N, C-alpha and C. Protein backbone atom coordinates (compact mmCIF):
# COMPACT_ATOMS: atom_id res chain seq x y z
N UNK A 1 -9.34 -2.51 26.26
CA UNK A 1 -10.13 -3.20 25.26
C UNK A 1 -11.53 -3.15 25.23
N UNK A 2 -12.19 -2.15 25.69
CA UNK A 2 -13.42 -1.93 25.48
C UNK A 2 -13.48 -1.31 23.93
N UNK A 3 -12.66 -0.50 23.99
CA UNK A 3 -12.89 -0.03 22.20
C UNK A 3 -11.17 -0.31 21.63
N UNK A 4 -11.58 -0.60 20.77
CA UNK A 4 -10.43 -1.25 19.91
C UNK A 4 -10.74 -0.40 18.26
N UNK A 5 -9.31 -0.06 18.10
CA UNK A 5 -9.13 0.63 16.55
C UNK A 5 -9.24 -0.61 15.92
N UNK A 6 -9.51 -0.49 14.70
CA UNK A 6 -8.69 -1.27 13.43
C UNK A 6 -9.22 -0.51 12.07
N UNK A 7 -8.73 -0.56 11.18
CA UNK A 7 -8.62 -0.41 9.84
C UNK A 7 -10.33 -0.61 8.96
N UNK A 8 -10.26 0.55 8.33
CA UNK A 8 -11.91 -0.13 7.58
C UNK A 8 -11.27 -0.36 5.97
N UNK A 9 -12.23 -0.32 5.10
CA UNK A 9 -11.73 -0.28 4.02
C UNK A 9 -10.81 0.80 3.71
N UNK A 10 -11.19 1.87 3.70
CA UNK A 10 -10.80 3.27 3.31
C UNK A 10 -9.18 3.38 3.95
N UNK A 11 -9.24 2.68 4.84
CA UNK A 11 -7.71 2.53 5.18
C UNK A 11 -7.39 3.45 6.79
N UNK A 12 -8.89 4.28 6.75
CA UNK A 12 -9.21 5.07 8.48
C UNK A 12 -9.02 3.84 9.36
N UNK A 13 -8.39 4.82 10.77
CA UNK A 13 -8.92 3.99 11.57
C UNK A 13 -10.53 4.28 12.27
N UNK A 14 -10.92 3.41 13.27
CA UNK A 14 -12.25 3.53 13.83
C UNK A 14 -12.14 3.35 15.17
N UNK A 15 -12.75 3.70 16.11
CA UNK A 15 -13.41 3.11 17.64
C UNK A 15 -14.62 2.43 17.37
N UNK A 16 -14.25 1.11 17.89
CA UNK A 16 -15.52 0.22 17.94
C UNK A 16 -15.39 -0.37 19.31
N UNK A 17 -16.62 -0.31 19.80
CA UNK A 17 -17.01 -0.88 21.23
C UNK A 17 -17.03 -2.46 21.04
N UNK A 18 -16.00 -3.13 21.54
CA UNK A 18 -15.89 -4.42 21.55
C UNK A 18 -17.44 -5.22 22.48
N UNK A 19 -17.94 -5.99 21.70
CA UNK A 19 -18.80 -6.14 22.16
C UNK A 19 -18.62 -7.77 22.83
N UNK A 20 -18.09 -8.77 22.14
CA UNK A 20 -17.99 -10.18 22.09
C UNK A 20 -16.19 -10.49 22.04
N UNK A 21 -16.19 -11.72 22.45
CA UNK A 21 -14.59 -12.25 22.05
C UNK A 21 -14.73 -14.01 22.11
N UNK A 22 -14.53 -14.41 21.23
CA UNK A 22 -14.26 -15.89 21.14
C UNK A 22 -12.95 -16.46 21.29
N UNK A 23 -12.47 -17.17 22.22
CA UNK A 23 -11.53 -18.16 22.57
C UNK A 23 -11.52 -19.50 22.06
N UNK A 24 -10.41 -19.31 20.98
CA UNK A 24 -10.27 -20.97 20.46
C UNK A 24 -9.53 -21.54 22.12
N UNK A 25 -9.98 -22.87 22.69
CA UNK A 25 -9.59 -23.18 24.17
C UNK A 25 -8.31 -23.58 23.94
N UNK A 26 -7.81 -24.20 23.03
CA UNK A 26 -5.99 -24.45 22.75
C UNK A 26 -5.13 -23.25 23.16
N UNK A 27 -4.84 -23.13 24.26
CA UNK A 27 -3.35 -22.41 24.25
C UNK A 27 -3.63 -21.17 24.57
N UNK A 28 -5.05 -20.55 24.75
CA UNK A 28 -5.57 -19.21 25.25
C UNK A 28 -6.21 -19.44 26.53
N UNK A 29 -6.36 -20.17 27.57
CA UNK A 29 -6.85 -20.42 28.77
C UNK A 29 -6.23 -21.32 29.58
N UNK A 30 -5.68 -22.38 29.75
CA UNK A 30 -5.50 -23.10 30.67
C UNK A 30 -3.67 -23.31 30.34
N UNK A 31 -2.83 -23.43 31.28
CA UNK A 31 -1.12 -24.42 30.96
C UNK A 31 -1.70 -25.74 31.14
N UNK A 32 -0.20 -25.84 30.62
CA UNK A 32 -0.68 -27.47 31.08
C UNK A 32 -0.99 -28.52 31.85
N UNK A 33 -0.94 -27.60 33.31
CA UNK A 33 -1.34 -28.55 34.43
C UNK A 33 -2.53 -27.98 34.57
N UNK A 34 -3.39 -27.05 33.56
CA UNK A 34 -4.89 -27.00 34.00
C UNK A 34 -5.15 -26.00 34.93
N UNK A 35 -4.17 -24.99 34.89
CA UNK A 35 -4.32 -23.63 35.81
C UNK A 35 -4.38 -22.70 34.64
N UNK A 36 -4.99 -21.15 35.49
CA UNK A 36 -5.27 -20.25 33.97
C UNK A 36 -4.24 -19.64 34.01
N UNK A 37 -4.06 -19.10 32.53
CA UNK A 37 -2.68 -18.43 32.18
C UNK A 37 -2.63 -17.14 33.05
N UNK A 38 -1.13 -17.11 33.28
CA UNK A 38 -1.29 -15.50 34.18
C UNK A 38 -1.97 -14.34 33.86
N UNK A 39 -2.79 -13.79 34.55
CA UNK A 39 -3.39 -12.61 34.07
C UNK A 39 -4.68 -12.67 33.70
N UNK A 40 -5.10 -13.78 33.43
CA UNK A 40 -6.33 -14.23 32.48
C UNK A 40 -7.90 -14.00 33.22
N UNK A 41 -7.70 -14.44 34.65
CA UNK A 41 -8.66 -14.02 35.45
C UNK A 41 -9.08 -12.65 35.48
N UNK A 42 -7.76 -11.92 35.43
CA UNK A 42 -8.38 -10.37 35.84
C UNK A 42 -8.77 -9.98 34.21
N UNK A 43 -8.30 -10.38 33.54
CA UNK A 43 -8.96 -9.73 31.93
C UNK A 43 -10.16 -10.22 31.49
N UNK A 44 -10.55 -11.30 32.09
CA UNK A 44 -11.85 -11.55 31.94
C UNK A 44 -12.81 -11.24 32.48
N UNK A 45 -12.58 -10.92 34.13
CA UNK A 45 -13.28 -10.16 34.77
C UNK A 45 -13.50 -8.62 34.24
N UNK A 46 -12.43 -7.95 33.92
CA UNK A 46 -12.40 -6.80 33.02
C UNK A 46 -13.46 -6.61 31.77
N UNK A 47 -13.36 -7.93 31.16
CA UNK A 47 -14.23 -8.24 29.88
C UNK A 47 -15.56 -7.77 30.27
N UNK A 48 -16.02 -8.70 31.39
CA UNK A 48 -17.11 -9.21 31.46
C UNK A 48 -17.50 -8.15 32.29
N UNK A 49 -17.37 -7.13 33.10
CA UNK A 49 -17.50 -5.72 33.66
C UNK A 49 -17.93 -4.59 32.42
N UNK A 50 -17.07 -5.21 31.28
CA UNK A 50 -17.35 -4.34 30.27
C UNK A 50 -18.72 -4.66 29.09
N UNK A 51 -19.47 -5.51 29.85
CA UNK A 51 -20.40 -6.14 29.09
C UNK A 51 -19.68 -6.53 27.87
N UNK A 52 -18.81 -7.30 27.73
CA UNK A 52 -18.22 -8.07 26.44
C UNK A 52 -18.47 -9.72 26.87
N UNK A 53 -19.56 -10.40 25.54
CA UNK A 53 -19.83 -11.20 26.01
C UNK A 53 -18.88 -12.38 25.45
N UNK A 54 -18.55 -13.51 26.36
CA UNK A 54 -17.37 -14.24 25.56
C UNK A 54 -17.91 -15.76 25.37
N UNK A 55 -17.15 -16.11 24.47
CA UNK A 55 -17.69 -17.71 24.10
C UNK A 55 -16.31 -18.64 23.87
N UNK A 56 -16.55 -19.80 24.19
CA UNK A 56 -15.44 -20.82 24.00
C UNK A 56 -15.76 -21.75 22.37
N UNK A 57 -14.64 -21.70 21.70
CA UNK A 57 -14.32 -22.87 20.69
C UNK A 57 -13.28 -23.85 20.77
N UNK A 58 -13.43 -25.41 20.89
CA UNK A 58 -13.16 -26.48 21.09
C UNK A 58 -12.97 -27.27 19.77
N UNK A 59 -11.68 -28.19 19.71
CA UNK A 59 -11.78 -29.10 18.72
C UNK A 59 -12.77 -30.57 18.64
N UNK A 60 -12.71 -30.78 20.17
CA UNK A 60 -13.24 -32.18 20.60
C UNK A 60 -14.37 -31.87 21.54
N UNK A 61 -14.48 -32.83 22.43
CA UNK A 61 -15.65 -33.02 23.45
C UNK A 61 -15.86 -31.57 23.84
N UNK A 62 -16.68 -30.56 24.31
CA UNK A 62 -16.79 -30.09 25.18
C UNK A 62 -16.93 -30.37 26.19
N UNK A 63 -17.53 -31.52 26.74
CA UNK A 63 -17.48 -31.54 28.26
C UNK A 63 -16.17 -31.43 28.78
N UNK A 64 -14.90 -31.92 28.45
CA UNK A 64 -13.71 -31.85 29.43
C UNK A 64 -13.40 -30.66 29.73
N UNK A 65 -13.80 -29.62 28.39
CA UNK A 65 -13.17 -28.40 28.26
C UNK A 65 -14.29 -27.70 29.23
N UNK A 66 -15.69 -27.56 29.38
CA UNK A 66 -16.40 -27.14 30.45
C UNK A 66 -15.80 -27.77 32.26
N UNK A 67 -15.53 -28.85 32.28
CA UNK A 67 -15.48 -29.36 33.79
C UNK A 67 -13.69 -28.64 33.78
N UNK A 68 -12.82 -28.50 33.18
CA UNK A 68 -11.39 -27.66 33.07
C UNK A 68 -11.64 -26.23 33.58
N UNK A 69 -12.80 -25.89 32.69
CA UNK A 69 -12.76 -24.34 33.40
C UNK A 69 -13.62 -24.44 34.57
N UNK A 70 -14.53 -25.13 34.84
CA UNK A 70 -15.56 -25.15 36.12
C UNK A 70 -14.08 -25.16 37.05
N UNK A 71 -13.36 -26.35 37.02
CA UNK A 71 -12.58 -26.80 38.05
C UNK A 71 -11.54 -25.41 38.34
N UNK A 72 -11.18 -24.64 37.34
CA UNK A 72 -10.25 -23.64 37.26
C UNK A 72 -10.97 -22.25 37.53
N UNK A 73 -12.94 -22.52 38.12
CA UNK A 73 -13.39 -21.39 37.90
C UNK A 73 -13.21 -20.26 37.27
N UNK A 74 -13.47 -20.32 35.90
CA UNK A 74 -13.65 -19.83 34.73
C UNK A 74 -14.48 -19.68 34.15
N UNK A 75 -15.11 -20.76 34.01
CA UNK A 75 -16.51 -21.21 33.36
C UNK A 75 -17.41 -19.68 33.66
N UNK A 76 -17.51 -19.39 34.55
CA UNK A 76 -18.61 -18.06 34.86
C UNK A 76 -18.76 -16.92 33.87
N UNK A 77 -17.39 -16.90 33.40
CA UNK A 77 -17.55 -15.91 32.02
C UNK A 77 -17.61 -16.29 31.27
N UNK A 78 -17.72 -17.55 30.69
CA UNK A 78 -18.71 -17.85 29.45
C UNK A 78 -20.22 -18.10 29.10
N UNK A 79 -20.53 -17.68 27.89
CA UNK A 79 -21.97 -18.16 27.60
C UNK A 79 -21.53 -19.24 27.21
N UNK A 80 -21.07 -19.72 26.59
CA UNK A 80 -21.02 -21.27 26.30
C UNK A 80 -20.19 -21.47 25.12
N UNK A 81 -19.83 -23.44 25.22
CA UNK A 81 -18.76 -23.80 24.06
C UNK A 81 -19.44 -24.27 22.91
N UNK A 82 -18.89 -24.24 21.73
CA UNK A 82 -19.23 -24.72 20.62
C UNK A 82 -17.77 -25.73 20.28
N UNK A 83 -18.23 -26.98 19.91
CA UNK A 83 -17.45 -28.11 19.40
C UNK A 83 -17.32 -28.45 17.99
N UNK A 84 -16.10 -28.13 17.49
CA UNK A 84 -15.84 -28.30 16.08
C UNK A 84 -16.35 -29.62 15.55
N UNK A 85 -16.14 -30.91 16.60
CA UNK A 85 -16.53 -31.82 16.14
C UNK A 85 -17.58 -32.32 16.48
N UNK A 86 -18.43 -31.60 17.05
CA UNK A 86 -19.98 -31.70 17.34
C UNK A 86 -20.81 -31.20 16.24
N UNK A 87 -20.02 -30.28 15.44
CA UNK A 87 -20.77 -29.63 14.19
C UNK A 87 -20.26 -30.32 12.77
N UNK A 88 -19.45 -31.20 13.20
CA UNK A 88 -18.99 -31.82 11.97
C UNK A 88 -18.25 -31.13 11.09
N UNK A 89 -17.17 -30.13 11.25
CA UNK A 89 -16.63 -28.90 11.06
C UNK A 89 -14.91 -29.40 11.70
N UNK A 90 -14.11 -28.04 10.95
CA UNK A 90 -12.78 -28.10 11.84
C UNK A 90 -12.39 -26.96 12.47
N UNK A 91 -11.58 -27.02 13.09
CA UNK A 91 -11.22 -25.99 14.08
C UNK A 91 -10.63 -24.60 13.40
N UNK A 92 -10.33 -25.03 12.04
CA UNK A 92 -9.80 -23.97 11.43
C UNK A 92 -10.87 -23.78 10.25
N UNK A 93 -11.96 -23.81 10.33
CA UNK A 93 -12.95 -23.29 9.85
C UNK A 93 -13.86 -22.16 10.11
N UNK A 94 -13.61 -21.14 9.50
CA UNK A 94 -14.08 -19.56 10.37
C UNK A 94 -15.90 -19.85 10.13
N UNK A 95 -16.39 -20.68 9.53
CA UNK A 95 -17.91 -20.89 9.66
C UNK A 95 -18.23 -21.10 11.30
N UNK A 96 -17.36 -21.97 12.07
CA UNK A 96 -17.47 -22.34 13.23
C UNK A 96 -17.41 -21.00 14.01
N UNK A 97 -16.55 -20.19 14.08
CA UNK A 97 -16.19 -18.51 14.53
C UNK A 97 -17.53 -18.25 14.09
N UNK A 98 -18.55 -18.32 12.71
CA UNK A 98 -19.51 -17.30 12.66
C UNK A 98 -20.55 -17.41 13.59
N UNK A 99 -20.83 -19.38 13.25
CA UNK A 99 -21.75 -20.03 14.54
C UNK A 99 -21.31 -19.59 15.90
N UNK A 100 -20.57 -19.16 15.94
CA UNK A 100 -20.10 -18.50 17.81
C UNK A 100 -20.21 -16.87 17.55
N UNK A 101 -20.40 -16.33 16.96
CA UNK A 101 -21.03 -14.96 16.60
C UNK A 101 -22.23 -15.09 16.78
N UNK A 102 -22.72 -15.80 15.84
CA UNK A 102 -24.36 -15.77 15.98
C UNK A 102 -25.09 -16.25 17.63
N UNK A 103 -24.25 -17.49 18.05
CA UNK A 103 -24.67 -17.46 19.43
C UNK A 103 -24.63 -16.36 20.21
N UNK A 104 -23.44 -15.66 19.85
CA UNK A 104 -23.43 -14.00 21.26
C UNK A 104 -24.12 -12.93 20.76
N UNK A 105 -24.53 -13.67 19.48
CA UNK A 105 -25.75 -12.56 19.21
C UNK A 105 -24.90 -10.91 18.94
N UNK A 106 -23.55 -10.89 18.64
CA UNK A 106 -23.00 -9.78 18.49
C UNK A 106 -22.68 -9.44 16.96
N UNK A 107 -22.11 -8.13 16.71
CA UNK A 107 -21.45 -7.90 15.54
C UNK A 107 -20.23 -8.56 15.46
N UNK A 108 -19.69 -8.92 14.06
CA UNK A 108 -18.78 -9.74 13.74
C UNK A 108 -17.38 -8.91 14.06
N UNK A 109 -17.65 -7.26 13.43
CA UNK A 109 -16.72 -6.71 13.59
C UNK A 109 -16.40 -6.11 14.86
N UNK A 110 -17.10 -6.43 16.13
CA UNK A 110 -17.22 -6.14 17.10
C UNK A 110 -16.86 -7.44 18.07
N UNK A 111 -16.45 -8.14 17.16
CA UNK A 111 -16.17 -9.56 18.36
C UNK A 111 -14.38 -10.26 17.92
N UNK A 112 -13.78 -9.98 18.93
CA UNK A 112 -12.60 -10.67 18.86
C UNK A 112 -12.34 -11.79 18.96
N UNK A 113 -11.34 -12.86 18.17
CA UNK A 113 -11.23 -14.25 18.37
C UNK A 113 -9.84 -14.19 18.90
N UNK A 114 -9.85 -14.57 20.05
CA UNK A 114 -8.38 -14.94 20.45
C UNK A 114 -8.07 -16.28 20.45
N UNK A 115 -6.81 -16.34 19.74
CA UNK A 115 -5.93 -17.83 19.44
C UNK A 115 -4.90 -17.98 19.68
N UNK A 116 -4.28 -19.15 19.90
CA UNK A 116 -2.40 -19.59 19.73
C UNK A 116 -2.41 -20.14 18.82
N UNK A 117 -3.15 -20.43 17.44
CA UNK A 117 -2.74 -20.91 16.69
C UNK A 117 -2.66 -19.97 15.10
N UNK A 118 -1.32 -20.12 14.76
CA UNK A 118 -0.66 -19.30 13.35
C UNK A 118 -1.76 -19.58 12.81
N UNK A 119 -1.90 -21.02 12.04
CA UNK A 119 -2.58 -21.04 10.91
C UNK A 119 -3.88 -20.98 11.00
N UNK A 120 -5.08 -20.46 11.93
CA UNK A 120 -6.13 -19.92 12.19
C UNK A 120 -6.11 -18.29 11.45
N UNK A 121 -5.48 -17.73 11.67
CA UNK A 121 -5.41 -16.11 11.61
C UNK A 121 -5.79 -15.94 9.75
N UNK A 122 -5.12 -16.64 9.14
CA UNK A 122 -5.39 -16.15 7.48
C UNK A 122 -6.98 -16.99 7.49
N UNK A 123 -7.46 -17.90 7.50
CA UNK A 123 -8.73 -18.05 7.40
C UNK A 123 -9.65 -16.91 8.21
N UNK A 124 -9.29 -16.44 9.07
CA UNK A 124 -10.12 -15.85 10.22
C UNK A 124 -10.22 -14.42 9.07
N UNK A 125 -9.05 -14.06 8.82
CA UNK A 125 -9.07 -12.52 8.45
C UNK A 125 -9.48 -12.47 7.18
N UNK A 126 -9.27 -13.50 6.43
CA UNK A 126 -10.16 -13.68 5.41
C UNK A 126 -11.62 -13.23 5.23
N UNK A 127 -12.39 -13.98 6.11
CA UNK A 127 -13.68 -13.64 6.69
C UNK A 127 -13.83 -12.44 7.50
N UNK A 128 -13.16 -11.82 7.60
CA UNK A 128 -13.33 -10.61 8.15
C UNK A 128 -13.25 -10.50 9.85
N UNK A 129 -12.83 -11.26 10.11
CA UNK A 129 -12.69 -11.36 11.55
C UNK A 129 -11.46 -10.64 12.62
N UNK A 130 -11.73 -9.61 13.25
CA UNK A 130 -10.48 -9.31 14.02
C UNK A 130 -9.99 -10.44 14.99
N UNK A 131 -8.80 -10.40 15.02
CA UNK A 131 -7.97 -11.69 15.79
C UNK A 131 -6.96 -11.10 16.68
N UNK A 132 -6.57 -11.74 17.71
CA UNK A 132 -5.74 -11.76 18.81
C UNK A 132 -4.84 -13.09 19.01
N UNK A 133 -3.32 -12.57 18.67
CA UNK A 133 -2.88 -13.76 18.78
C UNK A 133 -1.99 -14.40 20.05
N UNK A 134 -2.17 -15.33 20.57
CA UNK A 134 -1.59 -15.24 21.91
C UNK A 134 -0.53 -16.03 22.18
N UNK A 135 0.29 -15.61 23.12
CA UNK A 135 1.34 -16.62 23.80
C UNK A 135 2.74 -15.95 23.06
N UNK A 136 3.94 -16.71 23.67
CA UNK A 136 5.07 -16.29 22.88
C UNK A 136 5.35 -17.45 21.89
N UNK A 137 6.61 -16.86 21.38
CA UNK A 137 7.23 -18.07 19.82
C UNK A 137 6.94 -17.50 18.82
N UNK A 138 5.85 -17.34 18.60
CA UNK A 138 5.25 -16.75 17.44
C UNK A 138 5.70 -16.30 16.08
N UNK A 139 5.93 -16.59 15.32
CA UNK A 139 6.81 -16.09 13.97
C UNK A 139 6.34 -14.72 13.90
N UNK A 140 7.50 -13.85 13.43
CA UNK A 140 6.89 -12.31 12.89
C UNK A 140 5.98 -12.32 12.11
N UNK A 141 5.93 -13.08 10.83
CA UNK A 141 4.74 -13.22 10.26
C UNK A 141 3.33 -13.00 10.87
N UNK A 142 3.26 -14.39 11.86
CA UNK A 142 1.98 -14.39 12.21
C UNK A 142 1.66 -13.31 13.28
N UNK A 143 2.99 -12.48 13.77
CA UNK A 143 2.13 -11.35 14.97
C UNK A 143 1.96 -10.49 14.28
N UNK A 144 2.47 -10.45 12.76
CA UNK A 144 1.97 -8.75 11.74
C UNK A 144 0.38 -9.46 11.17
N UNK A 145 0.33 -10.43 10.98
CA UNK A 145 -1.01 -10.90 10.41
C UNK A 145 -2.01 -10.46 11.33
N UNK A 146 -1.82 -10.78 12.57
CA UNK A 146 -2.82 -10.72 13.91
C UNK A 146 -3.45 -9.22 13.74
N UNK A 147 -4.28 -8.91 14.53
CA UNK A 147 -4.55 -7.39 14.66
C UNK A 147 -3.82 -7.03 15.77
N UNK A 148 -3.72 -7.79 16.78
CA UNK A 148 -3.62 -7.94 17.99
C UNK A 148 -2.65 -8.81 18.63
N UNK A 149 -1.66 -8.75 19.55
CA UNK A 149 -0.56 -9.78 19.90
C UNK A 149 -0.36 -9.52 21.62
N UNK A 150 -0.88 -10.67 21.99
CA UNK A 150 -0.89 -10.80 23.31
C UNK A 150 0.02 -11.90 24.05
N UNK A 151 1.13 -11.30 24.59
CA UNK A 151 2.41 -11.88 25.07
C UNK A 151 2.16 -12.67 26.21
N UNK A 152 1.35 -12.20 27.06
CA UNK A 152 0.82 -12.53 28.31
C UNK A 152 -0.30 -11.38 28.68
N UNK A 153 -1.42 -12.26 29.74
CA UNK A 153 -2.21 -11.56 29.88
C UNK A 153 -1.72 -10.17 30.90
N UNK A 154 -1.31 -10.55 31.67
CA UNK A 154 -0.63 -10.04 32.22
C UNK A 154 -0.20 -8.33 32.04
N UNK A 155 0.40 -8.33 30.91
CA UNK A 155 0.66 -7.35 30.03
C UNK A 155 -0.35 -6.39 29.59
N UNK A 156 -1.71 -6.73 29.59
CA UNK A 156 -2.79 -6.15 29.10
C UNK A 156 -3.31 -5.25 29.63
N UNK A 157 -4.04 -3.97 29.04
CA UNK A 157 -4.57 -2.90 29.41
C UNK A 157 -5.91 -2.94 28.97
N UNK A 158 -6.98 -3.02 29.84
CA UNK A 158 -8.41 -3.17 28.74
C UNK A 158 -9.16 -1.61 29.38
């Protein structure tokens, strides 16, 4: 994942070094019991080794999110968390992800947004974000709309 190709305006593929990753907390980090999704720890470790800076976005209060990640020993991978509720916005508002990019100080074109929300893909793609859709059971249209699909982190090769 350190170098990921995607299309330019002219349609040619280029390789850009991944600088950052923004994880939409819901459905991309922990299972229903608060355990890390299978293969996530390895994936985050490799991203950190490749100097990919990571940030979290959540809809509500960030304190329980951070506490859950600390219990799962995953907080160490993230530079911070930004909350839609604290910023008076909506979790589907691309401006929230723009703020996360600014906090990471990465180039948006080299920052991956990882989400399990199909409804987030269209607004992010419209604003030029590079997206990855996580999990099983997504519609074929959503999988096609995402730049990358990640059924399980165990299957990822970085």
